[in-house]
Protein backbone atom coordinates (compact mmCIF):
# COMPACT_ATOMS: atom_id res chain seq x y z
CA MET A 1 -54.44 37.19 35.98
CA LYS A 2 -55.88 36.23 32.56
CA ARG A 3 -55.94 39.90 31.54
CA THR A 4 -52.28 40.36 32.57
CA LEU A 5 -51.27 37.25 30.60
CA LEU A 6 -53.27 38.44 27.57
CA MET A 7 -51.59 41.86 27.72
CA ALA A 8 -48.17 40.25 27.99
CA LEU A 9 -48.88 38.03 24.98
CA LEU A 10 -50.14 41.01 22.95
CA GLY A 11 -47.03 42.98 23.89
CA LEU A 12 -44.80 40.07 22.91
CA THR A 13 -46.64 39.65 19.61
CA PHE A 14 -46.22 43.36 18.84
CA ALA A 15 -42.54 43.24 19.77
CA LEU A 16 -41.91 40.18 17.56
CA ALA A 17 -43.76 41.72 14.62
CA ASN A 18 -41.85 44.97 15.06
CA THR A 19 -38.53 43.09 15.24
CA ALA A 20 -39.31 41.08 12.11
CA ALA A 21 -39.98 44.28 10.19
CA ARG A 22 -36.45 45.59 10.73
CA ALA A 23 -33.01 44.07 11.29
CA GLN A 24 -32.25 42.69 14.73
CA VAL A 25 -30.34 44.92 17.10
CA ALA A 26 -27.81 43.89 19.75
CA GLY A 27 -26.75 46.94 21.69
CA THR A 28 -26.34 49.61 19.03
CA THR A 29 -25.09 47.31 16.25
CA THR A 30 -27.56 46.23 13.58
CA LEU A 31 -27.34 42.52 12.81
CA GLY A 32 -28.09 41.02 9.44
CA ILE A 33 -29.09 42.96 6.36
CA ALA A 34 -32.08 44.99 5.31
CA VAL A 35 -34.65 43.56 2.92
CA ALA A 36 -33.41 45.86 0.14
CA GLU A 37 -29.89 44.36 0.45
CA VAL A 38 -31.06 40.75 0.05
CA GLN A 39 -31.12 41.09 -3.75
CA ASP A 40 -27.47 42.20 -3.79
CA VAL A 41 -26.49 39.21 -1.67
CA ALA A 42 -28.54 36.81 -3.79
CA VAL A 43 -26.67 37.71 -7.00
CA GLY A 44 -23.24 37.56 -5.35
CA TRP A 45 -20.86 34.62 -5.36
CA SER A 46 -20.77 31.85 -2.80
CA ALA A 47 -17.13 31.21 -1.90
CA LYS A 48 -17.97 27.66 -0.85
CA LYS A 49 -20.00 26.74 -3.95
CA GLN A 50 -18.45 28.79 -6.74
CA ILE A 51 -14.81 29.49 -5.86
CA ILE A 52 -13.11 27.28 -3.26
CA GLY A 53 -12.11 23.91 -4.66
CA HIS A 54 -12.27 25.06 -8.28
CA VAL A 55 -9.40 24.45 -10.65
CA VAL A 56 -7.21 27.30 -11.92
CA TYR A 57 -6.06 27.11 -15.54
CA ASN A 58 -3.52 29.12 -17.48
CA ASP A 59 -4.37 30.83 -20.77
CA ALA A 60 -3.28 27.69 -22.67
CA GLY A 61 -5.92 25.64 -20.82
CA ASP A 62 -3.44 23.74 -18.62
CA LYS A 63 -4.43 23.02 -15.02
CA VAL A 64 -2.00 24.88 -12.75
CA GLY A 65 -3.63 24.53 -9.34
CA LYS A 66 -6.79 24.73 -7.29
CA ILE A 67 -8.27 27.51 -5.16
CA ASP A 68 -8.04 26.26 -1.59
CA ASP A 69 -8.93 29.43 0.32
CA LEU A 70 -9.68 33.14 0.11
CA ILE A 71 -8.13 35.85 2.25
CA VAL A 72 -10.46 38.63 3.40
CA THR A 73 -8.74 41.79 4.64
CA PRO A 74 -9.89 43.69 7.74
CA ASP A 75 -11.73 46.16 5.46
CA SER A 76 -13.87 43.21 4.19
CA SER A 77 -12.39 42.96 0.71
CA VAL A 78 -11.18 39.70 -0.80
CA SER A 79 -7.52 40.32 -1.52
CA PHE A 80 -5.85 36.97 -2.23
CA ALA A 81 -6.77 33.52 -3.45
CA ILE A 82 -4.70 30.75 -1.91
CA VAL A 83 -3.86 28.43 -4.78
CA GLY A 84 -2.48 24.98 -4.12
CA THR A 85 -0.60 22.76 -6.51
CA GLY A 86 1.03 19.35 -6.26
CA GLY A 87 0.72 16.95 -3.37
CA PHE A 88 -1.60 14.01 -3.02
CA VAL A 89 -5.12 14.57 -1.71
CA GLY A 90 -4.02 17.90 -0.24
CA ILE A 91 -1.01 16.44 1.61
CA LYS A 92 2.35 18.14 0.88
CA ARG A 93 0.48 20.62 -1.27
CA HIS A 94 2.34 23.85 -2.15
CA HIS A 95 0.15 26.87 -1.34
CA VAL A 96 0.79 30.36 -2.71
CA ALA A 97 -1.04 33.66 -2.36
CA ILE A 98 -2.26 35.06 -5.68
CA PRO A 99 -3.80 38.55 -5.77
CA VAL A 100 -7.41 38.15 -6.89
CA THR A 101 -6.81 40.91 -9.45
CA GLN A 102 -4.54 38.48 -11.35
CA LEU A 103 -7.33 35.91 -11.70
CA SER A 104 -10.05 36.14 -14.30
CA GLN A 105 -12.97 33.98 -15.25
CA ARG A 106 -13.89 32.64 -18.69
CA ASN A 107 -16.68 30.18 -19.41
CA GLY A 108 -16.98 29.38 -15.70
CA GLU A 109 -13.27 28.58 -15.30
CA PHE A 110 -10.71 30.54 -13.30
CA LEU A 111 -7.71 31.69 -15.31
CA LEU A 112 -4.24 32.77 -14.22
CA PRO A 113 -2.61 33.95 -17.47
CA GLY A 114 1.03 32.98 -17.96
CA ALA A 115 1.10 30.60 -15.01
CA THR A 116 2.55 27.10 -14.99
CA LYS A 117 2.69 24.48 -12.24
CA ALA A 118 6.46 24.93 -12.13
CA ALA A 119 6.13 28.72 -11.74
CA ILE A 120 3.64 28.30 -8.90
CA LYS A 121 5.85 25.73 -7.16
CA ALA A 122 8.77 28.19 -7.43
CA MET A 123 6.81 30.91 -5.59
CA PRO A 124 7.24 31.37 -1.83
CA THR A 125 5.00 29.12 0.23
CA PHE A 126 2.03 30.82 1.86
CA ASP A 127 1.77 30.19 5.61
CA TYR A 128 -1.10 31.40 7.77
CA ALA A 129 -0.27 33.76 10.62
CA ASP A 130 -0.83 32.23 14.06
């Protein structure tokens, strides 16, 4: 009995060590990322910390809105920033979809050249699909 338990523990230890050495697998799909990819992830942007909630300025330095969300397409690319303007504490806020290619960053600030609050409020309201 002790030998069987010892063999089972050794087998479990080997299995855990082997699993830790490579990405987890569920069925045939690899979960997580490989060790070599961790560096790429580490130097990427955090949507929560570095994008969402940040103010958008125009090229004159005027505040024109705030990034409230990001839209990720089915092919995993970020395609639109949802920029909100107006309202009070997010209530009655006017949201619009701005292609991320129209945004730039300078000195840690997001820029939307040529934009004004009035121009953003005149754009069609963005509504999420159900």
